[in-house]
Amino acid sequence: MKNAYRDRVKRRLGILQDDLQFDSDIDDFTTESINSLYPIVQAELAPESFVLNANSSEIDLSESEIVSVRKLKFQDENGYLESSDEYTMHADVITIYGSSSYERTVVVEGSGRYDVANVPLEYNQVIINWIMSEFYSLLTGDKRKYNIYTQTTGARSVDNLRDLSDYYLDRGNQILADRATIRGQ
């Protein structure tokens, strides 16, 4: 899948679109930045159904995208769903208080992490700022990449790059705080 953030970040950094030297770094920073949104903002996921065997009280979510459970609904013998808050979640396992002598269907409502394809538009600036922060941080610690960058885009001092890294990190964090508050997360 094409990284939609790469071209935007490269344009802001003054890197030509056909210069591929930094693409893998930018792609890594994109993934890290999107992963850093969680748990501050979470992707609403479609409910998933699980079959809970008789006398069983655990649901394994290791194969699911759900990482935070909001509600469990148990389907009774008539097909109606009854909500329950009587569970705990540790790592990828939901433990339900009490078990049943018959097999039940459990609908799990929850949220998870965003990926590059489903980040809401209001968080694009957060991601871009975090990517740029990580890029400038990379340049301060990697002399070879710093030299390549300065030769292709013009020279900047290392101190200025550190300041830029801090600036973009702070800017991304502020935008995230504002947007997450507005969105109600």
Protein backbone atom coordinates (compact mmCIF):
# COMPACT_ATOMS: atom_id res chain seq x y z
CA MET A 1 0.00 0.00 0.00
CA LYS A 2 1.30 3.45 -0.89
CA ASN A 3 2.13 5.64 2.06
CA ALA A 4 -0.05 8.74 1.59
CA TYR A 5 2.03 10.66 4.12
CA ARG A 6 5.39 10.10 2.38
CA ASP A 7 4.88 12.57 -0.48
CA ARG A 8 3.52 15.25 1.83
CA VAL A 9 6.43 14.89 4.25
CA LYS A 10 9.02 14.81 1.47
CA ARG A 11 7.56 18.01 0.00
CA ARG A 12 7.80 19.75 3.40
CA LEU A 13 11.36 18.51 3.91
CA GLY A 14 12.45 19.69 0.46
CA ILE A 15 13.19 16.15 -0.73
CA LEU A 16 12.42 15.52 -4.40
CA GLN A 17 9.66 12.98 -5.01
CA ASP A 18 11.93 10.81 -7.17
CA ASP A 19 14.65 10.73 -4.47
CA LEU A 20 14.01 7.38 -2.78
CA GLN A 21 16.88 7.44 -0.25
CA PHE A 22 14.70 8.35 2.72
CA ASP A 23 11.48 6.54 1.78
CA SER A 24 11.98 3.54 4.06
CA ASP A 25 12.79 5.83 7.01
CA ILE A 26 9.70 7.94 6.36
CA ASP A 27 7.57 4.79 6.03
CA ASP A 28 8.90 3.49 9.37
CA PHE A 29 8.23 6.84 11.03
CA THR A 30 4.71 6.81 9.57
CA THR A 31 3.96 3.42 11.11
CA GLU A 32 5.44 4.46 14.46
CA SER A 33 3.49 7.72 14.46
CA ILE A 34 0.18 6.06 13.67
CA ASN A 35 0.81 3.43 16.34
CA SER A 36 1.52 6.23 18.82
CA LEU A 37 -2.03 7.52 18.46
CA TYR A 38 -3.20 4.58 20.60
CA PRO A 39 -4.44 4.73 23.37
CA ILE A 40 -5.09 8.48 23.16
CA VAL A 41 -7.34 8.06 20.13
CA GLN A 42 -8.78 4.73 19.10
CA ALA A 43 -10.40 3.36 15.98
CA GLU A 44 -14.02 2.28 16.45
CA LEU A 45 -14.28 -1.26 15.16
CA ALA A 46 -17.23 -3.32 14.03
CA PRO A 47 -18.53 -5.66 16.74
CA GLU A 48 -17.16 -9.19 16.57
CA SER A 49 -18.97 -12.38 17.55
CA PHE A 50 -17.32 -15.22 19.45
CA VAL A 51 -18.67 -18.59 20.50
CA LEU A 52 -18.16 -19.26 24.19
CA ASN A 53 -18.19 -22.99 24.88
CA ALA A 54 -20.14 -24.46 27.79
CA ASN A 55 -18.39 -24.00 31.15
CA SER A 56 -15.86 -21.65 29.56
CA SER A 57 -15.25 -18.13 30.75
CA GLU A 58 -12.47 -16.80 28.49
CA ILE A 59 -12.41 -15.22 25.05
CA ASP A 60 -9.07 -14.95 23.25
CA LEU A 61 -8.74 -11.74 21.22
CA SER A 62 -5.23 -12.43 19.92
CA GLU A 63 -6.56 -12.86 16.36
CA SER A 64 -8.83 -9.82 16.64
CA GLU A 65 -8.10 -6.16 15.93
CA ILE A 66 -9.95 -5.24 19.14
CA VAL A 67 -7.52 -4.08 21.82
CA SER A 68 -9.93 -2.25 24.10
CA VAL A 69 -13.34 -3.71 25.00
CA ARG A 70 -16.23 -1.32 25.60
CA LYS A 71 -19.12 -3.75 26.00
CA LEU A 72 -20.02 -7.42 25.89
CA LYS A 73 -23.41 -8.64 24.73
CA PHE A 74 -24.56 -12.20 25.28
CA GLN A 75 -27.04 -13.76 22.89
CA ASP A 76 -29.70 -15.73 24.73
CA GLU A 77 -31.50 -18.80 23.42
CA ASN A 78 -34.12 -16.57 21.72
CA GLY A 79 -31.48 -14.57 19.84
CA TYR A 80 -31.78 -11.43 21.97
CA LEU A 81 -28.66 -9.63 23.10
CA GLU A 82 -28.15 -8.80 26.77
CA SER A 83 -25.42 -6.37 27.77
CA SER A 84 -22.97 -7.25 30.54
CA ASP A 85 -20.21 -5.42 32.36
CA GLU A 86 -19.15 -8.47 34.32
CA TYR A 87 -15.76 -9.17 32.77
CA THR A 88 -12.10 -8.21 32.96
CA MET A 89 -9.57 -7.94 30.19
CA HIS A 90 -5.89 -8.70 30.55
CA ALA A 91 -3.63 -8.60 27.51
CA ASP A 92 -5.64 -10.33 24.74
CA VAL A 93 -7.96 -12.35 26.99
CA ILE A 94 -11.41 -11.40 28.24
CA THR A 95 -12.39 -13.26 31.40
CA ILE A 96 -16.12 -13.37 32.04
CA TYR A 97 -17.34 -13.70 35.62
CA GLY A 98 -19.23 -16.94 35.85
CA SER A 99 -19.75 -19.56 33.20
CA SER A 100 -22.74 -21.14 31.58
CA SER A 101 -23.68 -24.76 31.15
CA TYR A 102 -24.52 -24.15 27.49
CA GLU A 103 -22.72 -22.68 24.50
CA ARG A 104 -23.29 -18.93 24.02
CA THR A 105 -22.54 -16.34 21.39
CA VAL A 106 -20.82 -13.24 22.73
CA VAL A 107 -20.71 -10.01 20.74
CA VAL A 108 -17.69 -7.87 21.66
CA GLU A 109 -17.83 -4.13 21.00
CA GLY A 110 -14.55 -2.30 21.20
CA SER A 111 -11.87 -0.23 19.61
CA GLY A 112 -8.39 -0.72 18.27
CA ARG A 113 -5.48 0.92 16.57
CA TYR A 114 -5.54 2.94 13.40
CA ASP A 115 -3.47 1.94 10.41
CA VAL A 116 -2.28 4.02 7.48
CA ALA A 117 -5.52 3.40 5.58
CA ASN A 118 -8.02 4.51 8.22
CA VAL A 119 -6.56 7.46 10.15
CA PRO A 120 -9.25 10.18 10.35
CA LEU A 121 -8.40 13.34 8.42
CA GLU A 122 -8.29 15.45 11.57
CA TYR A 123 -5.18 13.53 12.72
CA ASN A 124 -3.19 13.89 9.47
CA GLN A 125 -1.34 16.97 10.76
CA VAL A 126 -0.43 15.12 13.95
CA ILE A 127 1.08 12.26 11.96
CA ILE A 128 2.95 14.58 9.60
CA ASN A 129 4.43 16.60 12.47
CA TRP A 130 5.53 13.46 14.32
CA ILE A 131 7.12 12.03 11.15
CA MET A 132 9.04 15.25 10.60
CA SER A 133 10.16 15.27 14.24
CA GLU A 134 11.49 11.72 13.92
CA PHE A 135 13.17 12.54 10.61
CA TYR A 136 15.03 15.51 12.04
CA SER A 137 15.95 13.42 15.09
CA LEU A 138 17.35 10.74 12.76
CA LEU A 139 19.52 13.30 10.99
CA THR A 140 21.04 14.52 14.24
CA GLY A 141 22.23 10.99 15.06
CA ASP A 142 23.18 9.66 11.62
CA LYS A 143 26.03 11.60 10.00
CA ARG A 144 25.81 9.73 6.68
CA LYS A 145 22.09 10.48 6.26
CA TYR A 146 22.65 14.04 7.49
CA ASN A 147 25.30 14.55 4.76
CA ILE A 148 23.02 13.09 2.08
CA TYR A 149 20.14 15.30 3.21
CA THR A 150 22.19 18.49 3.35
CA GLN A 151 23.73 17.82 -0.08
CA THR A 152 20.34 17.36 -1.71
CA THR A 153 18.37 20.08 0.10
CA GLY A 154 20.83 22.63 1.48
CA ALA A 155 22.77 22.82 4.71
CA ARG A 156 21.30 23.19 8.19
CA SER A 157 23.21 23.02 11.43
CA VAL A 158 22.74 20.00 13.69
CA ASP A 159 21.53 22.26 16.52
CA ASN A 160 18.83 23.64 14.26
CA LEU A 161 17.72 20.08 13.40
CA ARG A 162 17.35 19.24 17.09
CA ASP A 163 15.27 22.36 17.60
CA LEU A 164 13.13 21.44 14.59
CA SER A 165 12.65 17.91 15.94
CA ASP A 166 11.45 19.30 19.26
CA TYR A 167 9.27 21.88 17.53
CA TYR A 168 7.46 19.35 15.34
CA LEU A 169 7.01 16.92 18.23
CA ASP A 170 5.48 19.64 20.42
CA ARG A 171 3.31 20.86 17.54
CA GLY A 172 2.02 17.34 16.84
CA ASN A 173 1.29 16.75 20.52
CA GLN A 174 -0.62 20.04 20.81
CA ILE A 175 -2.72 19.31 17.73
CA LEU A 176 -3.45 15.82 19.06
CA ALA A 177 -4.54 17.18 22.44
CA ASP A 178 -6.84 19.70 20.76
CA ARG A 179 -8.35 17.25 18.28
CA ALA A 180 -8.77 14.42 20.78
CA THR A 181 -10.65 16.78 23.11
CA ILE A 182 -12.92 17.95 20.30
CA ARG A 183 -13.58 14.36 19.18
CA GLY A 184 -14.38 13.36 22.75
CA GLN A 185 -11.69 10.72 23.21
